[in-house]
């Protein structure tokens, strides 16, 4: 008897199109993959799928507004970190989505895209 007796039931509807979509998703770079928004509004988690470059405008709809120095509490599930508004989007991308940016020359990974670009410019000048 299988350790997962219901596994076959869960996979019956997984067709060729689903497989192609999954493979396309896995082949795409992390910064081009959709991620679920984990912002909690006090009643439910948002769970809207978004590409990383869509989070800044999406977070404004969650009330992340004001001038750059306005203090904002991150309402991502199990977070609560308070920071300046100017840091919220970067915090979500780096901390919650765990995006990594790899140097295309040496393969070194960075948590911030601007740090990777600076590394590339300073370490691997063309």
PDB file of N, CA and C in Angstrom:
ATOM      1  N   UNK A   1       0.845  -1.191   0.000  1.00  0.00           N
ATOM      2  CA  UNK A   1       0.000   0.000   0.000  1.00  0.00           C
ATOM      3  C   UNK A   1       0.886   1.250   0.000  1.00  0.00           C
ATOM      4  N   UNK A   2       0.498   2.207  -0.801  1.00  0.00           N
ATOM      5  CA  UNK A   2       1.258   3.444  -0.939  1.00  0.00           C
ATOM      6  C   UNK A   2       1.178   4.284   0.331  1.00  0.00           C
ATOM      7  N   UNK A   3       2.263   5.000   0.617  1.00  0.00           N
ATOM      8  CA  UNK A   3       2.258   5.934   1.743  1.00  0.00           C
ATOM      9  C   UNK A   3       1.340   7.110   1.454  1.00  0.00           C
ATOM     10  N   UNK A   4       1.014   7.309   0.184  1.00  0.00           N
ATOM     11  CA  UNK A   4       0.151   8.412  -0.239  1.00  0.00           C
ATOM     12  C   UNK A   4      -1.008   7.845  -1.059  1.00  0.00           C
ATOM     13  N   UNK A   5      -2.000   7.244  -0.390  1.00  0.00           N
ATOM     14  CA  UNK A   5      -3.064   6.552  -1.125  1.00  0.00           C
ATOM     15  C   UNK A   5      -3.895   7.461  -2.024  1.00  0.00           C
ATOM     16  N   UNK A   6      -3.958   8.748  -1.726  1.00  0.00           N
ATOM     17  CA  UNK A   6      -4.775   9.660  -2.534  1.00  0.00           C
ATOM     18  C   UNK A   6      -3.973  10.368  -3.619  1.00  0.00           C
ATOM     19  N   UNK A   7      -2.679  10.091  -3.710  1.00  0.00           N
ATOM     20  CA  UNK A   7      -1.831  10.809  -4.664  1.00  0.00           C
ATOM     21  C   UNK A   7      -2.321  10.649  -6.091  1.00  0.00           C
ATOM     22  N   UNK A   8      -2.758   9.469  -6.448  1.00  0.00           N
ATOM     23  CA  UNK A   8      -3.219   9.259  -7.821  1.00  0.00           C
ATOM     24  C   UNK A   8      -4.458  10.094  -8.116  1.00  0.00           C
ATOM     25  N   UNK A   9      -5.291  10.321  -7.117  1.00  0.00           N
ATOM     26  CA  UNK A   9      -6.487  11.142  -7.314  1.00  0.00           C
ATOM     27  C   UNK A   9      -6.121  12.597  -7.574  1.00  0.00           C
ATOM     28  N   UNK A  10      -5.093  13.085  -6.912  1.00  0.00           N
ATOM     29  CA  UNK A  10      -4.710  14.475  -7.074  1.00  0.00           C
ATOM     30  C   UNK A  10      -4.106  14.750  -8.444  1.00  0.00           C
ATOM     31  N   UNK A  11      -3.581  13.745  -9.100  1.00  0.00           N
ATOM     32  CA  UNK A  11      -2.883  13.948 -10.358  1.00  0.00           C
ATOM     33  C   UNK A  11      -3.682  13.564 -11.593  1.00  0.00           C
ATOM     34  N   UNK A  12      -4.901  13.114 -11.434  1.00  0.00           N
ATOM     35  CA  UNK A  12      -5.687  12.681 -12.584  1.00  0.00           C
ATOM     36  C   UNK A  12      -5.955  13.808 -13.573  1.00  0.00           C
ATOM     37  N   UNK A  13      -6.101  15.015 -13.090  1.00  0.00           N
ATOM     38  CA  UNK A  13      -6.432  16.131 -13.970  1.00  0.00           C
ATOM     39  C   UNK A  13      -5.200  16.891 -14.460  1.00  0.00           C
ATOM     40  N   UNK A  14      -4.021  16.419 -14.154  1.00  0.00           N
ATOM     41  CA  UNK A  14      -2.779  17.066 -14.575  1.00  0.00           C
ATOM     42  C   UNK A  14      -2.501  16.641 -16.015  1.00  0.00           C
ATOM     43  N   UNK A  15      -2.771  17.548 -16.966  1.00  0.00           N
ATOM     44  CA  UNK A  15      -2.669  17.194 -18.384  1.00  0.00           C
ATOM     45  C   UNK A  15      -1.387  17.750 -19.014  1.00  0.00           C
ATOM     46  N   UNK A  16      -1.249  17.547 -20.311  1.00  0.00           N
ATOM     47  CA  UNK A  16      -0.049  18.007 -21.022  1.00  0.00           C
ATOM     48  C   UNK A  16       0.113  19.520 -20.951  1.00  0.00           C
ATOM     49  N   UNK A  17      -0.990  20.240 -21.016  1.00  0.00           N
ATOM     50  CA  UNK A  17      -0.928  21.704 -20.925  1.00  0.00           C
ATOM     51  C   UNK A  17      -0.428  22.126 -19.542  1.00  0.00           C
ATOM     52  N   UNK A  18      -0.913  21.450 -18.490  1.00  0.00           N
ATOM     53  CA  UNK A  18      -0.443  21.744 -17.136  1.00  0.00           C
ATOM     54  C   UNK A  18       1.055  21.473 -17.014  1.00  0.00           C
ATOM     55  N   UNK A  19       1.500  20.375 -17.597  1.00  0.00           N
ATOM     56  CA  UNK A  19       2.912  20.026 -17.547  1.00  0.00           C
ATOM     57  C   UNK A  19       3.754  21.082 -18.269  1.00  0.00           C
ATOM     58  N   UNK A  20       3.298  21.535 -19.423  1.00  0.00           N
ATOM     59  CA  UNK A  20       4.025  22.563 -20.177  1.00  0.00           C
ATOM     60  C   UNK A  20       4.088  23.865 -19.386  1.00  0.00           C
ATOM     61  N   UNK A  21       2.981  24.223 -18.745  1.00  0.00           N
ATOM     62  CA  UNK A  21       2.938  25.443 -17.931  1.00  0.00           C
ATOM     63  C   UNK A  21       3.914  25.341 -16.766  1.00  0.00           C
ATOM     64  N   UNK A  22       3.925  24.190 -16.098  1.00  0.00           N
ATOM     65  CA  UNK A  22       4.829  23.991 -14.972  1.00  0.00           C
ATOM     66  C   UNK A  22       6.288  24.063 -15.415  1.00  0.00           C
ATOM     67  N   UNK A  23       6.615  23.424 -16.516  1.00  0.00           N
ATOM     68  CA  UNK A  23       7.991  23.460 -17.015  1.00  0.00           C
ATOM     69  C   UNK A  23       8.405  24.868 -17.427  1.00  0.00           C
ATOM     70  N   UNK A  24       7.482  25.608 -18.037  1.00  0.00           N
ATOM     71  CA  UNK A  24       7.767  26.996 -18.418  1.00  0.00           C
ATOM     72  C   UNK A  24       8.017  27.835 -17.170  1.00  0.00           C
ATOM     73  N   UNK A  25       7.194  27.623 -16.151  1.00  0.00           N
ATOM     74  CA  UNK A  25       7.350  28.336 -14.882  1.00  0.00           C
ATOM     75  C   UNK A  25       8.716  28.041 -14.262  1.00  0.00           C
ATOM     76  N   UNK A  26       9.080  26.767 -14.211  1.00  0.00           N
ATOM     77  CA  UNK A  26      10.348  26.381 -13.595  1.00  0.00           C
ATOM     78  C   UNK A  26      11.551  26.886 -14.381  1.00  0.00           C
ATOM     79  N   UNK A  27      11.404  27.045 -15.687  1.00  0.00           N
ATOM     80  CA  UNK A  27      12.504  27.522 -16.524  1.00  0.00           C
ATOM     81  C   UNK A  27      12.671  29.036 -16.461  1.00  0.00           C
ATOM     82  N   UNK A  28      11.654  29.747 -16.004  1.00  0.00           N
ATOM     83  CA  UNK A  28      11.740  31.208 -15.968  1.00  0.00           C
ATOM     84  C   UNK A  28      12.574  31.652 -14.769  1.00  0.00           C
ATOM     85  N   UNK A  29      13.270  32.788 -14.890  1.00  0.00           N
ATOM     86  CA  UNK A  29      14.063  33.279 -13.765  1.00  0.00           C
ATOM     87  C   UNK A  29      13.142  33.685 -12.613  1.00  0.00           C
ATOM     88  N   UNK A  30      13.620  33.599 -11.361  1.00  0.00           N
ATOM     89  CA  UNK A  30      12.773  33.890 -10.199  1.00  0.00           C
ATOM     90  C   UNK A  30      12.102  35.259 -10.238  1.00  0.00           C
ATOM     91  N   UNK A  31      12.775  36.259 -10.830  1.00  0.00           N
ATOM     92  CA  UNK A  31      12.164  37.587 -10.859  1.00  0.00           C
ATOM     93  C   UNK A  31      11.094  37.707 -11.937  1.00  0.00           C
ATOM     94  N   UNK A  32      10.830  36.642 -12.689  1.00  0.00           N
ATOM     95  CA  UNK A  32       9.748  36.639 -13.680  1.00  0.00           C
ATOM     96  C   UNK A  32       8.676  35.609 -13.343  1.00  0.00           C
ATOM     97  N   UNK A  33       8.748  35.038 -12.150  1.00  0.00           N
ATOM     98  CA  UNK A  33       7.743  34.067 -11.716  1.00  0.00           C
ATOM     99  C   UNK A  33       6.695  34.763 -10.861  1.00  0.00           C
ATOM    100  N   UNK A  34       5.437  34.360 -10.981  1.00  0.00           N
ATOM    101  CA  UNK A  34       4.422  34.935 -10.096  1.00  0.00           C
ATOM    102  C   UNK A  34       4.594  34.428  -8.669  1.00  0.00           C
ATOM    103  N   UNK A  35       4.286  35.294  -7.729  1.00  0.00           N
ATOM    104  CA  UNK A  35       4.330  34.976  -6.301  1.00  0.00           C
ATOM    105  C   UNK A  35       2.994  35.402  -5.705  1.00  0.00           C
ATOM    106  N   UNK A  36       2.548  34.706  -4.675  1.00  0.00           N
ATOM    107  CA  UNK A  36       1.302  35.075  -4.016  1.00  0.00           C
ATOM    108  C   UNK A  36       1.563  36.169  -2.999  1.00  0.00           C
ATOM    109  N   UNK A  37       0.707  37.180  -3.004  1.00  0.00           N
ATOM    110  CA  UNK A  37       0.807  38.258  -2.024  1.00  0.00           C
ATOM    111  C   UNK A  37       0.378  37.717  -0.660  1.00  0.00           C
ATOM    112  N   UNK A  38       1.241  37.885   0.326  1.00  0.00           N
ATOM    113  CA  UNK A  38       0.956  37.396   1.671  1.00  0.00           C
ATOM    114  C   UNK A  38       0.513  38.483   2.625  1.00  0.00           C
ATOM    115  N   UNK A  39       0.049  39.620   2.082  1.00  0.00           N
ATOM    116  CA  UNK A  39      -0.390  40.734   2.928  1.00  0.00           C
ATOM    117  C   UNK A  39      -1.687  40.345   3.616  1.00  0.00           C
ATOM    118  N   UNK A  40      -1.742  40.562   4.921  1.00  0.00           N
ATOM    119  CA  UNK A  40      -2.906  40.204   5.734  1.00  0.00           C
ATOM    120  C   UNK A  40      -3.624  41.486   6.114  1.00  0.00           C
ATOM    121  N   UNK A  41      -4.896  41.606   5.734  1.00  0.00           N
ATOM    122  CA  UNK A  41      -5.635  42.845   5.996  1.00  0.00           C
ATOM    123  C   UNK A  41      -6.396  42.818   7.317  1.00  0.00           C
ATOM    124  N   UNK A  42      -6.128  41.841   8.163  1.00  0.00           N
ATOM    125  CA  UNK A  42      -6.833  41.725   9.434  1.00  0.00           C
ATOM    126  C   UNK A  42      -7.907  40.660   9.413  1.00  0.00           C
ATOM    127  N   UNK A  43      -8.326  40.268   8.209  1.00  0.00           N
ATOM    128  CA  UNK A  43      -9.343  39.230   8.082  1.00  0.00           C
ATOM    129  C   UNK A  43      -8.882  38.087   7.181  1.00  0.00           C
ATOM    130  N   UNK A  44      -8.286  38.424   6.052  1.00  0.00           N
ATOM    131  CA  UNK A  44      -7.835  37.388   5.115  1.00  0.00           C
ATOM    132  C   UNK A  44      -6.476  37.771   4.524  1.00  0.00           C
ATOM    133  N   UNK A  45      -5.765  36.754   4.060  1.00  0.00           N
ATOM    134  CA  UNK A  45      -4.515  36.972   3.328  1.00  0.00           C
ATOM    135  C   UNK A  45      -4.888  37.246   1.883  1.00  0.00           C
ATOM    136  N   UNK A  46      -4.246  38.214   1.263  1.00  0.00           N
ATOM    137  CA  UNK A  46      -4.562  38.626  -0.105  1.00  0.00           C
ATOM    138  C   UNK A  46      -4.479  37.459  -1.093  1.00  0.00           C
ATOM    139  N   UNK A  47      -3.323  36.787  -1.161  1.00  0.00           N
ATOM    140  CA  UNK A  47      -3.102  35.631  -2.049  1.00  0.00           C
ATOM    141  C   UNK A  47      -3.236  35.916  -3.540  1.00  0.00           C
ATOM    142  N   UNK A  48      -3.166  37.175  -3.956  1.00  0.00           N
ATOM    143  CA  UNK A  48      -3.210  37.483  -5.388  1.00  0.00           C
ATOM    144  C   UNK A  48      -1.858  37.149  -6.011  1.00  0.00           C
ATOM    145  N   UNK A  49      -1.842  36.406  -7.127  1.00  0.00           N
ATOM    146  CA  UNK A  49      -0.566  36.123  -7.788  1.00  0.00           C
ATOM    147  C   UNK A  49      -0.071  37.351  -8.545  1.00  0.00           C
ATOM    148  N   UNK A  50       1.198  37.696  -8.315  1.00  0.00           N
ATOM    149  CA  UNK A  50       1.790  38.882  -8.932  1.00  0.00           C
ATOM    150  C   UNK A  50       3.225  38.591  -9.336  1.00  0.00           C
ATOM    151  N   UNK A  51       3.663  39.265 -10.379  1.00  0.00           N
ATOM    152  CA  UNK A  51       5.076  39.245 -10.723  1.00  0.00           C
ATOM    153  C   UNK A  51       5.795  40.210  -9.781  1.00  0.00           C
ATOM    154  N   UNK A  52       7.065  39.982  -9.484  1.00  0.00           N
ATOM    155  CA  UNK A  52       7.769  40.855  -8.554  1.00  0.00           C
ATOM    156  C   UNK A  52       7.687  42.341  -8.895  1.00  0.00           C
ATOM    157  N   UNK A  53       7.723  42.697 -10.183  1.00  0.00           N
ATOM    158  CA  UNK A  53       7.671  44.123 -10.530  1.00  0.00           C
ATOM    159  C   UNK A  53       6.273  44.717 -10.393  1.00  0.00           C
ATOM    160  N   UNK A  54       5.284  43.915 -10.034  1.00  0.00           N
ATOM    161  CA  UNK A  54       3.924  44.414  -9.807  1.00  0.00           C
ATOM    162  C   UNK A  54       3.651  44.702  -8.330  1.00  0.00           C
ATOM    163  N   UNK A  55       4.554  44.300  -7.439  1.00  0.00           N
ATOM    164  CA  UNK A  55       4.290  44.428  -6.011  1.00  0.00           C
ATOM    165  C   UNK A  55       4.225  45.871  -5.530  1.00  0.00           C
ATOM    166  N   UNK A  56       5.055  46.770  -6.057  1.00  0.00           N
ATOM    167  CA  UNK A  56       5.057  48.157  -5.576  1.00  0.00           C
ATOM    168  C   UNK A  56       3.685  48.793  -5.735  1.00  0.00           C
ATOM    169  N   UNK A  57       3.097  48.695  -6.919  1.00  0.00           N
ATOM    170  CA  UNK A  57       1.770  49.293  -7.118  1.00  0.00           C
ATOM    171  C   UNK A  57       0.709  48.517  -6.346  1.00  0.00           C
ATOM    172  N   UNK A  58       0.857  47.208  -6.240  1.00  0.00           N
ATOM    173  CA  UNK A  58      -0.111  46.400  -5.497  1.00  0.00           C
ATOM    174  C   UNK A  58      -0.093  46.768  -4.008  1.00  0.00           C
ATOM    175  N   UNK A  59       1.081  46.994  -3.448  1.00  0.00           N
ATOM    176  CA  UNK A  59       1.176  47.343  -2.031  1.00  0.00           C
ATOM    177  C   UNK A  59       0.515  48.686  -1.739  1.00  0.00           C
ATOM    178  N   UNK A  60       0.504  49.593  -2.708  1.00  0.00           N
ATOM    179  CA  UNK A  60      -0.212  50.864  -2.511  1.00  0.00           C
ATOM    180  C   UNK A  60      -1.699  50.606  -2.288  1.00  0.00           C
ATOM    181  N   UNK A  61      -2.249  49.607  -2.963  1.00  0.00           N
ATOM    182  CA  UNK A  61      -3.662  49.263  -2.765  1.00  0.00           C
ATOM    183  C   UNK A  61      -3.914  48.681  -1.373  1.00  0.00           C
ATOM    184  N   UNK A  62      -2.852  48.205  -0.731  1.00  0.00           N
ATOM    185  CA  UNK A  62      -2.957  47.714   0.649  1.00  0.00           C
ATOM    186  C   UNK A  62      -2.713  48.845   1.652  1.00  0.00           C
ATOM    187  N   UNK A  63      -2.557  50.075   1.169  1.00  0.00           N
ATOM    188  CA  UNK A  63      -2.381  51.209   2.068  1.00  0.00           C
ATOM    189  C   UNK A  63      -0.941  51.589   2.336  1.00  0.00           C
ATOM    190  N   UNK A  64      -0.011  51.052   1.586  1.00  0.00           N
ATOM    191  CA  UNK A  64       1.393  51.428   1.741  1.00  0.00           C
ATOM    192  C   UNK A  64       1.588  52.712   0.946  1.00  0.00           C
ATOM    193  N   UNK A  65       1.242  53.824   1.589  1.00  0.00           N
ATOM    194  CA  UNK A  65       1.264  55.138   0.947  1.00  0.00           C
ATOM    195  C   UNK A  65       1.875  56.161   1.902  1.00  0.00           C
ATOM    196  N   UNK A  66       2.099  57.344   1.389  1.00  0.00           N
ATOM    197  CA  UNK A  66       2.668  58.419   2.188  1.00  0.00           C
ATOM    198  C   UNK A  66       4.040  58.773   1.657  1.00  0.00           C
ATOM    199  N   UNK A  67       4.700  59.711   2.360  1.00  0.00           N
ATOM    200  CA  UNK A  67       6.044  60.067   1.906  1.00  0.00           C
ATOM    201  C   UNK A  67       7.018  58.951   2.282  1.00  0.00           C
ATOM    202  N   UNK A  68       8.213  59.015   1.740  1.00  0.00           N
ATOM    203  CA  UNK A  68       9.180  57.923   1.894  1.00  0.00           C
ATOM    204  C   UNK A  68       9.522  57.598   3.342  1.00  0.00           C
ATOM    205  N   UNK A  69       9.457  58.577   4.231  1.00  0.00           N
ATOM    206  CA  UNK A  69       9.849  58.359   5.629  1.00  0.00           C
ATOM    207  C   UNK A  69       8.671  57.975   6.524  1.00  0.00           C
ATOM    208  N   UNK A  70       7.466  57.861   5.958  1.00  0.00           N
ATOM    209  CA  UNK A  70       6.303  57.418   6.731  1.00  0.00           C
ATOM    210  C   UNK A  70       6.561  56.010   7.252  1.00  0.00           C
ATOM    211  N   UNK A  71       6.308  55.799   8.542  1.00  0.00           N
ATOM    212  CA  UNK A  71       6.508  54.477   9.136  1.00  0.00           C
ATOM    213  C   UNK A  71       5.349  53.565   8.745  1.00  0.00           C
ATOM    214  N   UNK A  72       5.694  52.389   8.250  1.00  0.00           N
ATOM    215  CA  UNK A  72       4.717  51.395   7.795  1.00  0.00           C
ATOM    216  C   UNK A  72       5.046  50.067   8.473  1.00  0.00           C
ATOM    217  N   UNK A  73       4.012  49.388   8.947  1.00  0.00           N
ATOM    218  CA  UNK A  73       4.183  48.043   9.495  1.00  0.00           C
ATOM    219  C   UNK A  73       3.926  47.040   8.376  1.00  0.00           C
ATOM    220  N   UNK A  74       4.849  46.132   8.167  1.00  0.00           N
ATOM    221  CA  UNK A  74       4.664  45.085   7.170  1.00  0.00           C
ATOM    222  C   UNK A  74       3.591  44.130   7.683  1.00  0.00           C
ATOM    223  N   UNK A  75       2.532  43.979   6.910  1.00  0.00           N
ATOM    224  CA  UNK A  75       1.422  43.109   7.298  1.00  0.00           C
ATOM    225  C   UNK A  75       1.490  41.753   6.614  1.00  0.00           C
ATOM    226  N   UNK A  76       2.657  41.408   6.090  1.00  0.00           N
ATOM    227  CA  UNK A  76       2.839  40.078   5.516  1.00  0.00           C
ATOM    228  C   UNK A  76       2.642  39.063   6.639  1.00  0.00           C
ATOM    229  N   UNK A  77       2.105  37.930   6.311  1.00  0.00           N
ATOM    230  CA  UNK A  77       1.848  36.899   7.310  1.00  0.00           C
ATOM    231  C   UNK A  77       3.104  36.645   8.147  1.00  0.00           C
ATOM    232  N   UNK A  78       2.952  36.697   9.469  1.00  0.00           N
ATOM    233  CA  UNK A  78       4.010  36.437  10.452  1.00  0.00           C
ATOM    234  C   UNK A  78       5.190  37.408  10.355  1.00  0.00           C
ATOM    235  N   UNK A  79       4.929  38.666   9.997  1.00  0.00           N
ATOM    236  CA  UNK A  79       6.035  39.623   9.947  1.00  0.00           C
ATOM    237  C   UNK A  79       5.825  40.716  10.992  1.00  0.00           C
ATOM    238  N   UNK A  80       5.266  41.853  10.612  1.00  0.00           N
ATOM    239  CA  UNK A  80       5.048  42.950  11.541  1.00  0.00           C
ATOM    240  C   UNK A  80       6.207  43.915  11.683  1.00  0.00           C
ATOM    241  N   UNK A  81       7.249  43.784  10.879  1.00  0.00           N
ATOM    242  CA  UNK A  81       8.397  44.687  10.938  1.00  0.00           C
ATOM    243  C   UNK A  81       7.965  46.096  10.554  1.00  0.00           C
ATOM    244  N   UNK A  82       8.415  47.079  11.326  1.00  0.00           N
ATOM    245  CA  UNK A  82       8.122  48.482  11.033  1.00  0.00           C
ATOM    246  C   UNK A  82       9.326  49.074  10.303  1.00  0.00           C
ATOM    247  N   UNK A  83       9.033  49.815   9.231  1.00  0.00           N
ATOM    248  CA  UNK A  83      10.110  50.403   8.419  1.00  0.00           C
ATOM    249  C   UNK A  83       9.587  51.645   7.713  1.00  0.00           C
ATOM    250  N   UNK A  84      10.476  52.375   7.070  1.00  0.00           N
ATOM    251  CA  UNK A  84      10.060  53.499   6.239  1.00  0.00           C
ATOM    252  C   UNK A  84       9.322  52.966   5.017  1.00  0.00           C
ATOM    253  N   UNK A  85       8.356  53.746   4.539  1.00  0.00           N
ATOM    254  CA  UNK A  85       7.588  53.328   3.367  1.00  0.00           C
ATOM    255  C   UNK A  85       8.496  53.029   2.182  1.00  0.00           C
ATOM    256  N   UNK A  86       9.562  53.799   2.034  1.00  0.00           N
ATOM    257  CA  UNK A  86      10.471  53.604   0.907  1.00  0.00           C
ATOM    258  C   UNK A  86      11.137  52.227   0.914  1.00  0.00           C
ATOM    259  N   UNK A  87      11.105  51.534   2.039  1.00  0.00           N
ATOM    260  CA  UNK A  87      11.769  50.234   2.165  1.00  0.00           C
ATOM    261  C   UNK A  87      10.823  49.045   2.046  1.00  0.00           C
ATOM    262  N   UNK A  88       9.519  49.277   2.041  1.00  0.00           N
ATOM    263  CA  UNK A  88       8.559  48.170   2.111  1.00  0.00           C
ATOM    264  C   UNK A  88       8.659  47.248   0.902  1.00  0.00           C
ATOM    265  N   UNK A  89       8.663  47.792  -0.299  1.00  0.00           N
ATOM    266  CA  UNK A  89       8.704  46.940  -1.487  1.00  0.00           C
ATOM    267  C   UNK A  89       9.979  46.098  -1.517  1.00  0.00           C
ATOM    268  N   UNK A  90      11.116  46.726  -1.246  1.00  0.00           N
ATOM    269  CA  UNK A  90      12.382  45.980  -1.231  1.00  0.00           C
ATOM    270  C   UNK A  90      12.351  44.901  -0.145  1.00  0.00           C
ATOM    271  N   UNK A  91      11.789  45.229   1.031  1.00  0.00           N
ATOM    272  CA  UNK A  91      11.655  44.262   2.126  1.00  0.00           C
ATOM    273  C   UNK A  91      10.836  43.051   1.683  1.00  0.00           C
ATOM    274  N   UNK A  92       9.706  43.293   1.018  1.00  0.00           N
ATOM    275  CA  UNK A  92       8.851  42.190   0.555  1.00  0.00           C
ATOM    276  C   UNK A  92       9.610  41.321  -0.445  1.00  0.00           C
ATOM    277  N   UNK A  93      10.260  41.943  -1.416  1.00  0.00           N
ATOM    278  CA  UNK A  93      10.975  41.183  -2.445  1.00  0.00           C
ATOM    279  C   UNK A  93      12.120  40.362  -1.859  1.00  0.00           C
ATOM    280  N   UNK A  94      12.891  40.972  -0.961  1.00  0.00           N
ATOM    281  CA  UNK A  94      14.068  40.291  -0.423  1.00  0.00           C
ATOM    282  C   UNK A  94      13.732  39.305   0.685  1.00  0.00           C
ATOM    283  N   UNK A  95      12.829  39.692   1.582  1.00  0.00           N
ATOM    284  CA  UNK A  95      12.553  38.887   2.768  1.00  0.00           C
ATOM    285  C   UNK A  95      11.476  37.844   2.536  1.00  0.00           C
ATOM    286  N   UNK A  96      10.385  38.260   1.932  1.00  0.00           N
ATOM    287  CA  UNK A  96       9.245  37.348   1.810  1.00  0.00           C
ATOM    288  C   UNK A  96       9.245  36.556   0.504  1.00  0.00           C
ATOM    289  N   UNK A  97       9.644  37.170  -0.587  1.00  0.00           N
ATOM    290  CA  UNK A  97       9.716  36.433  -1.852  1.00  0.00           C
ATOM    291  C   UNK A  97      11.071  35.749  -2.011  1.00  0.00           C
ATOM    292  N   UNK A  98      12.039  36.173  -1.186  1.00  0.00           N
ATOM    293  CA  UNK A  98      13.388  35.613  -1.187  1.00  0.00           C
ATOM    294  C   UNK A  98      14.016  35.603  -2.578  1.00  0.00           C
ATOM    295  N   UNK A  99      13.816  36.712  -3.303  1.00  0.00           N
ATOM    296  CA  UNK A  99      14.406  36.806  -4.639  1.00  0.00           C
ATOM    297  C   UNK A  99      15.920  36.884  -4.537  1.00  0.00           C
ATOM    298  N   UNK A 100      16.578  36.212  -5.425  1.00  0.00           N
ATOM    299  CA  UNK A 100      18.033  36.246  -5.528  1.00  0.00           C
ATOM    300  C   UNK A 100      18.389  36.651  -6.950  1.00  0.00           C
ATOM    301  N   UNK A 101      19.437  37.428  -7.072  1.00  0.00           N
ATOM    302  CA  UNK A 101      19.910  37.881  -8.373  1.00  0.00           C
ATOM    303  C   UNK A 101      21.316  37.326  -8.569  1.00  0.00           C
ATOM    304  N   UNK A 102      21.507  36.572  -9.637  1.00  0.00           N
ATOM    305  CA  UNK A 102      22.783  35.914  -9.882  1.00  0.00           C
ATOM    306  C   UNK A 102      23.587  36.687 -10.920  1.00  0.00           C
ATOM    307  N   UNK A 103      24.838  36.895 -10.607  1.00  0.00           N
ATOM    308  CA  UNK A 103      25.751  37.524 -11.558  1.00  0.00           C
ATOM    309  C   UNK A 103      25.892  36.589 -12.756  1.00  0.00           C
ATOM    310  N   UNK A 104      25.600  37.083 -13.959  1.00  0.00           N
ATOM    311  CA  UNK A 104      25.687  36.220 -15.136  1.00  0.00           C
ATOM    312  C   UNK A 104      27.119  35.847 -15.511  1.00  0.00           C
ATOM    313  N   UNK A 105      28.094  36.538 -14.938  1.00  0.00           N
ATOM    314  CA  UNK A 105      29.493  36.259 -15.265  1.00  0.00           C
ATOM    315  C   UNK A 105      30.080  35.191 -14.335  1.00  0.00           C
ATOM    316  N   UNK A 106      29.927  35.378 -13.010  1.00  0.00           N
ATOM    317  CA  UNK A 106      30.577  34.460 -12.063  1.00  0.00           C
ATOM    318  C   UNK A 106      29.595  33.581 -11.288  1.00  0.00           C
ATOM    319  N   UNK A 107      28.304  33.875 -11.372  1.00  0.00           N
ATOM    320  CA  UNK A 107      27.312  33.050 -10.692  1.00  0.00           C
ATOM    321  C   UNK A 107      27.077  33.403  -9.236  1.00  0.00           C
ATOM    322  N   UNK A 108      27.776  34.400  -8.708  1.00  0.00           N
ATOM    323  CA  UNK A 108      27.577  34.806  -7.320  1.00  0.00           C
ATOM    324  C   UNK A 108      26.160  35.345  -7.156  1.00  0.00           C
ATOM    325  N   UNK A 109      25.502  35.010  -6.024  1.00  0.00           N
ATOM    326  CA  UNK A 109      24.114  35.436  -5.807  1.00  0.00           C
ATOM    327  C   UNK A 109      24.034  36.616  -4.853  1.00  0.00           C
ATOM    328  N   UNK A 110      23.051  37.483  -5.139  1.00  0.00           N
ATOM    329  CA  UNK A 110      22.809  38.668  -4.329  1.00  0.00           C
ATOM    330  C   UNK A 110      21.327  38.743  -3.991  1.00  0.00           C
ATOM    331  N   UNK A 111      21.015  39.317  -2.828  1.00  0.00           N
ATOM    332  CA  UNK A 111      19.606  39.476  -2.463  1.00  0.00           C
ATOM    333  C   UNK A 111      19.020  40.749  -3.065  1.00  0.00           C
ATOM    334  N   UNK A 112      19.887  41.645  -3.523  1.00  0.00           N
ATOM    335  CA  UNK A 112      19.409  42.886  -4.135  1.00  0.00           C
ATOM    336  C   UNK A 112      19.956  43.022  -5.544  1.00  0.00           C
ATOM    337  N   UNK A 113      19.074  43.438  -6.450  1.00  0.00           N
ATOM    338  CA  UNK A 113      19.474  43.587  -7.848  1.00  0.00           C
ATOM    339  C   UNK A 113      20.523  44.682  -8.005  1.00  0.00           C
ATOM    340  N   UNK A 114      20.357  45.813  -7.288  1.00  0.00           N
ATOM    341  CA  UNK A 114      21.311  46.911  -7.428  1.00  0.00           C
ATOM    342  C   UNK A 114      22.702  46.503  -6.941  1.00  0.00           C
ATOM    343  N   UNK A 115      22.772  45.650  -5.930  1.00  0.00           N
ATOM    344  CA  UNK A 115      24.060  45.162  -5.447  1.00  0.00           C
ATOM    345  C   UNK A 115      24.724  44.276  -6.492  1.00  0.00           C
ATOM    346  N   UNK A 116      23.925  43.444  -7.159  1.00  0.00           N
ATOM    347  CA  UNK A 116      24.461  42.589  -8.219  1.00  0.00           C
ATOM    348  C   UNK A 116      24.975  43.439  -9.381  1.00  0.00           C
ATOM    349  N   UNK A 117      24.219  44.471  -9.754  1.00  0.00           N
ATOM    350  CA  UNK A 117      24.637  45.351 -10.852  1.00  0.00           C
ATOM    351  C   UNK A 117      25.945  46.056 -10.490  1.00  0.00           C
ATOM    352  N   UNK A 118      26.053  46.557  -9.243  1.00  0.00           N
ATOM    353  CA  UNK A 118      27.298  47.201  -8.806  1.00  0.00           C
ATOM    354  C   UNK A 118      28.462  46.212  -8.827  1.00  0.00           C
ATOM    355  N   UNK A 119      28.217  44.996  -8.359  1.00  0.00           N
ATOM    356  CA  UNK A 119      29.243  43.945  -8.391  1.00  0.00           C
ATOM    357  C   UNK A 119      29.709  43.707  -9.821  1.00  0.00           C
ATOM    358  N   UNK A 120      28.748  43.578 -10.720  1.00  0.00           N
ATOM    359  CA  UNK A 120      29.057  43.303 -12.126  1.00  0.00           C
ATOM    360  C   UNK A 120      29.896  44.439 -12.721  1.00  0.00           C
ATOM    361  N   UNK A 121      29.488  45.669 -12.434  1.00  0.00           N
ATOM    362  CA  UNK A 121      30.188  46.840 -12.965  1.00  0.00           C
ATOM    363  C   UNK A 121      31.617  46.926 -12.420  1.00  0.00           C
ATOM    364  N   UNK A 122      31.783  46.649 -11.113  1.00  0.00           N
ATOM    365  CA  UNK A 122      33.095  46.801 -10.483  1.00  0.00           C
ATOM    366  C   UNK A 122      34.004  45.586 -10.643  1.00  0.00           C
ATOM    367  N   UNK A 123      33.432  44.398 -10.702  1.00  0.00           N
ATOM    368  CA  UNK A 123      34.231  43.175 -10.741  1.00  0.00           C
ATOM    369  C   UNK A 123      34.463  42.656 -12.152  1.00  0.00           C
ATOM    370  N   UNK A 124      33.494  42.868 -13.009  1.00  0.00           N
ATOM    371  CA  UNK A 124      33.574  42.337 -14.374  1.00  0.00           C
ATOM    372  C   UNK A 124      33.374  43.448 -15.408  1.00  0.00           C
ATOM    373  N   UNK A 125      34.210  44.487 -15.394  1.00  0.00           N
ATOM    374  CA  UNK A 125      34.013  45.563 -16.377  1.00  0.00           C
ATOM    375  C   UNK A 125      34.191  45.033 -17.800  1.00  0.00           C
ATOM    376  N   UNK A 126      33.410  45.583 -18.700  1.00  0.00           N
ATOM    377  CA  UNK A 126      33.482  45.121 -20.099  1.00  0.00           C
ATOM    378  C   UNK A 126      34.463  45.940 -20.910  1.00  0.00           C
TER     379      UNK A 126
END
